[in-house]
Amino acid sequence: MIVKQLEDLIGTEDEVKGDTWVSRRLLLKKDEVGFSLHDTLIRAGTVSEFWYKNHIEAVYCIEGEGELTNLENGTVHPLKPGTLYTLDGHEKHRVRAGTDLRMVCVFNPPCTGRETHDEEGAYPLLD
């Protein structure tokens, strides 16, 4: 059994920061559960482009409002608490945060915890 408290991760190596986001990595590859689980904050008024070409990501919005744009076909979806989206086709996408967004993100294969977005917005596969 694995039990963790979010407050214990803040300010450690398991809290990774980008220009527009902060990701607190609750479960990682080293936990050997087959996926990673992240509590991610996207700052209000920011726009972030991502492309997880090496991972499948599922995202569940628990706080805030914004919009998700599929950059491959232009479809725009509102983001609000209770919204789930899954990038099962490795879609390039944009997240526009109208307010601070808090998202629960699941990645497969699991992240190691050292990843940060590269110039394409992707996480590399790390061992």
C-alpha atoms as a PDB file:
ATOM      1  CA  MET A   1       0.000   0.000   0.000  1.00  0.00           C
ATOM      2  CA  ILE A   2       1.204   3.474  -0.894  1.00  0.00           C
ATOM      3  CA  VAL A   3      -0.029   6.469   1.094  1.00  0.00           C
ATOM      4  CA  LYS A   4       1.174  10.005   0.391  1.00  0.00           C
ATOM      5  CA  GLN A   5       0.086  13.514   1.340  1.00  0.00           C
ATOM      6  CA  LEU A   6       0.210  16.270  -1.283  1.00  0.00           C
ATOM      7  CA  GLU A   7       1.546  18.727   1.288  1.00  0.00           C
ATOM      8  CA  ASP A   8       4.597  16.500   1.772  1.00  0.00           C
ATOM      9  CA  LEU A   9       5.542  16.760  -1.941  1.00  0.00           C
ATOM     10  CA  ILE A  10       5.426  20.554  -2.204  1.00  0.00           C
ATOM     11  CA  GLY A  11       8.928  22.006  -2.386  1.00  0.00           C
ATOM     12  CA  THR A  12      10.576  18.628  -3.079  1.00  0.00           C
ATOM     13  CA  GLU A  13      11.969  17.125  -6.290  1.00  0.00           C
ATOM     14  CA  ASP A  14       8.487  15.673  -6.877  1.00  0.00           C
ATOM     15  CA  GLU A  15       7.161  19.188  -7.526  1.00  0.00           C
ATOM     16  CA  VAL A  16       8.210  20.216 -11.036  1.00  0.00           C
ATOM     17  CA  LYS A  17       7.581  23.722 -12.399  1.00  0.00           C
ATOM     18  CA  GLY A  18       7.232  25.039 -15.940  1.00  0.00           C
ATOM     19  CA  ASP A  19       6.555  28.554 -17.196  1.00  0.00           C
ATOM     20  CA  THR A  20       2.759  28.160 -16.986  1.00  0.00           C
ATOM     21  CA  TRP A  21       2.254  25.136 -14.732  1.00  0.00           C
ATOM     22  CA  VAL A  22       3.302  23.270 -11.588  1.00  0.00           C
ATOM     23  CA  SER A  23       3.078  19.472 -11.428  1.00  0.00           C
ATOM     24  CA  ARG A  24       3.127  17.597  -8.135  1.00  0.00           C
ATOM     25  CA  ARG A  25       3.958  13.994  -8.970  1.00  0.00           C
ATOM     26  CA  LEU A  26       2.135  11.690  -6.608  1.00  0.00           C
ATOM     27  CA  LEU A  27       2.879   8.340  -8.258  1.00  0.00           C
ATOM     28  CA  LEU A  28       5.846   7.679 -10.523  1.00  0.00           C
ATOM     29  CA  LYS A  29       7.503   4.823 -12.373  1.00  0.00           C
ATOM     30  CA  LYS A  30       9.494   3.958  -9.224  1.00  0.00           C
ATOM     31  CA  ASP A  31       6.200   3.195  -7.435  1.00  0.00           C
ATOM     32  CA  GLU A  32       5.706   0.300  -9.906  1.00  0.00           C
ATOM     33  CA  VAL A  33       1.938   0.639 -10.379  1.00  0.00           C
ATOM     34  CA  GLY A  34       1.987   0.912 -14.190  1.00  0.00           C
ATOM     35  CA  PHE A  35       1.036   4.610 -14.469  1.00  0.00           C
ATOM     36  CA  SER A  36       1.958   7.953 -12.967  1.00  0.00           C
ATOM     37  CA  LEU A  37      -0.448  10.332 -11.231  1.00  0.00           C
ATOM     38  CA  HIS A  38       0.098  14.091 -11.101  1.00  0.00           C
ATOM     39  CA  ASP A  39      -1.731  16.969  -9.393  1.00  0.00           C
ATOM     40  CA  THR A  40      -1.159  19.832 -11.837  1.00  0.00           C
ATOM     41  CA  LEU A  41      -1.878  23.545 -11.568  1.00  0.00           C
ATOM     42  CA  ILE A  42      -2.069  25.693 -14.696  1.00  0.00           C
ATOM     43  CA  ARG A  43      -1.853  29.394 -13.965  1.00  0.00           C
ATOM     44  CA  ALA A  44      -4.705  31.778 -14.810  1.00  0.00           C
ATOM     45  CA  GLY A  45      -4.272  33.805 -17.979  1.00  0.00           C
ATOM     46  CA  THR A  46      -1.717  31.418 -19.505  1.00  0.00           C
ATOM     47  CA  VAL A  47      -1.711  29.394 -22.700  1.00  0.00           C
ATOM     48  CA  SER A  48       0.186  26.093 -22.856  1.00  0.00           C
ATOM     49  CA  GLU A  49       0.752  23.835 -25.841  1.00  0.00           C
ATOM     50  CA  PHE A  50       1.451  20.146 -25.256  1.00  0.00           C
ATOM     51  CA  TRP A  51       2.051  17.028 -27.307  1.00  0.00           C
ATOM     52  CA  TYR A  52       2.498  13.755 -25.479  1.00  0.00           C
ATOM     53  CA  LYS A  53       3.813  11.726 -28.385  1.00  0.00           C
ATOM     54  CA  ASN A  54       5.282   9.110 -26.015  1.00  0.00           C
ATOM     55  CA  HIS A  55       2.480   8.866 -23.459  1.00  0.00           C
ATOM     56  CA  ILE A  56      -1.272   8.455 -23.189  1.00  0.00           C
ATOM     57  CA  GLU A  57      -2.609  11.099 -20.803  1.00  0.00           C
ATOM     58  CA  ALA A  58      -5.980  11.317 -19.074  1.00  0.00           C
ATOM     59  CA  VAL A  59      -6.833  14.628 -17.402  1.00  0.00           C
ATOM     60  CA  TYR A  60      -9.638  15.355 -14.945  1.00  0.00           C
ATOM     61  CA  CYS A  61     -10.358  18.984 -14.074  1.00  0.00           C
ATOM     62  CA  ILE A  62     -11.206  19.491 -10.405  1.00  0.00           C
ATOM     63  CA  GLU A  63     -10.936  23.305 -10.139  1.00  0.00           C
ATOM     64  CA  GLY A  64     -11.069  26.339 -12.414  1.00  0.00           C
ATOM     65  CA  GLU A  65     -12.213  27.154 -15.921  1.00  0.00           C
ATOM     66  CA  GLY A  66     -10.557  27.344 -19.303  1.00  0.00           C
ATOM     67  CA  GLU A  67     -10.574  25.711 -22.686  1.00  0.00           C
ATOM     68  CA  LEU A  68      -8.911  22.828 -24.472  1.00  0.00           C
ATOM     69  CA  THR A  69      -8.159  23.045 -28.194  1.00  0.00           C
ATOM     70  CA  ASN A  70      -7.301  20.016 -30.319  1.00  0.00           C
ATOM     71  CA  LEU A  71      -4.610  21.540 -32.539  1.00  0.00           C
ATOM     72  CA  GLU A  72      -5.039  18.797 -35.119  1.00  0.00           C
ATOM     73  CA  ASN A  73      -8.662  19.601 -35.987  1.00  0.00           C
ATOM     74  CA  GLY A  74      -9.398  22.928 -34.242  1.00  0.00           C
ATOM     75  CA  THR A  75     -12.111  21.547 -31.952  1.00  0.00           C
ATOM     76  CA  VAL A  76     -12.472  23.597 -28.757  1.00  0.00           C
ATOM     77  CA  HIS A  77     -13.852  22.149 -25.510  1.00  0.00           C
ATOM     78  CA  PRO A  78     -14.660  24.051 -22.315  1.00  0.00           C
ATOM     79  CA  LEU A  79     -12.754  23.008 -19.199  1.00  0.00           C
ATOM     80  CA  LYS A  80     -14.515  23.165 -15.843  1.00  0.00           C
ATOM     81  CA  PRO A  81     -14.739  20.962 -12.757  1.00  0.00           C
ATOM     82  CA  GLY A  82     -15.924  17.526 -13.794  1.00  0.00           C
ATOM     83  CA  THR A  83     -14.411  17.620 -17.302  1.00  0.00           C
ATOM     84  CA  LEU A  84     -12.308  14.626 -18.379  1.00  0.00           C
ATOM     85  CA  TYR A  85     -10.219  14.439 -21.522  1.00  0.00           C
ATOM     86  CA  THR A  86      -7.961  11.664 -22.718  1.00  0.00           C
ATOM     87  CA  LEU A  87      -5.240  12.068 -25.326  1.00  0.00           C
ATOM     88  CA  ASP A  88      -5.543   8.525 -26.607  1.00  0.00           C
ATOM     89  CA  GLY A  89      -4.420   9.572 -30.087  1.00  0.00           C
ATOM     90  CA  HIS A  90      -1.399  11.596 -28.904  1.00  0.00           C
ATOM     91  CA  GLU A  91      -3.136  14.787 -30.046  1.00  0.00           C
ATOM     92  CA  LYS A  92      -1.273  18.077 -30.013  1.00  0.00           C
ATOM     93  CA  HIS A  93      -3.346  20.390 -27.843  1.00  0.00           C
ATOM     94  CA  ARG A  94      -3.561  23.795 -26.204  1.00  0.00           C
ATOM     95  CA  VAL A  95      -4.850  24.606 -22.729  1.00  0.00           C
ATOM     96  CA  ARG A  96      -5.989  28.181 -22.108  1.00  0.00           C
ATOM     97  CA  ALA A  97      -6.526  28.855 -18.405  1.00  0.00           C
ATOM     98  CA  GLY A  98      -9.185  31.487 -17.745  1.00  0.00           C
ATOM     99  CA  THR A  99      -8.717  30.973 -14.009  1.00  0.00           C
ATOM    100  CA  ASP A 100      -6.227  28.804 -12.153  1.00  0.00           C
ATOM    101  CA  LEU A 101      -6.882  25.238 -13.289  1.00  0.00           C
ATOM    102  CA  ARG A 102      -6.236  22.238 -11.066  1.00  0.00           C
ATOM    103  CA  MET A 103      -6.032  18.982 -12.954  1.00  0.00           C
ATOM    104  CA  VAL A 104      -5.458  15.367 -11.963  1.00  0.00           C
ATOM    105  CA  CYS A 105      -3.347  13.760 -14.709  1.00  0.00           C
ATOM    106  CA  VAL A 106      -2.584  10.095 -15.334  1.00  0.00           C
ATOM    107  CA  PHE A 107       0.232   9.040 -17.692  1.00  0.00           C
ATOM    108  CA  ASN A 108       0.965   5.700 -19.309  1.00  0.00           C
ATOM    109  CA  PRO A 109       3.740   4.706 -19.549  1.00  0.00           C
ATOM    110  CA  PRO A 110       4.473   6.181 -16.142  1.00  0.00           C
ATOM    111  CA  CYS A 111       6.706   9.217 -15.823  1.00  0.00           C
ATOM    112  CA  THR A 112       9.931   8.955 -13.848  1.00  0.00           C
ATOM    113  CA  GLY A 113       9.449  12.369 -12.258  1.00  0.00           C
ATOM    114  CA  ARG A 114      12.378  14.021 -14.031  1.00  0.00           C
ATOM    115  CA  GLU A 115      10.464  14.881 -17.218  1.00  0.00           C
ATOM    116  CA  THR A 116       9.746  18.383 -18.298  1.00  0.00           C
ATOM    117  CA  HIS A 117       8.254  19.500 -21.610  1.00  0.00           C
ATOM    118  CA  ASP A 118      10.690  19.672 -24.500  1.00  0.00           C
ATOM    119  CA  GLU A 119      10.532  22.183 -27.374  1.00  0.00           C
ATOM    120  CA  GLU A 120       7.636  20.194 -28.918  1.00  0.00           C
ATOM    121  CA  GLY A 121       5.670  20.222 -25.656  1.00  0.00           C
ATOM    122  CA  ALA A 122       6.300  16.494 -25.151  1.00  0.00           C
ATOM    123  CA  TYR A 123       7.730  14.459 -22.316  1.00  0.00           C
ATOM    124  CA  PRO A 124      10.658  12.311 -23.438  1.00  0.00           C
ATOM    125  CA  LEU A 125      10.729   8.638 -22.460  1.00  0.00           C
ATOM    126  CA  LEU A 126      13.156   8.346 -19.561  1.00  0.00           C
ATOM    127  CA  ASP A 127      14.331   5.280 -17.652  1.00  0.00           C
END
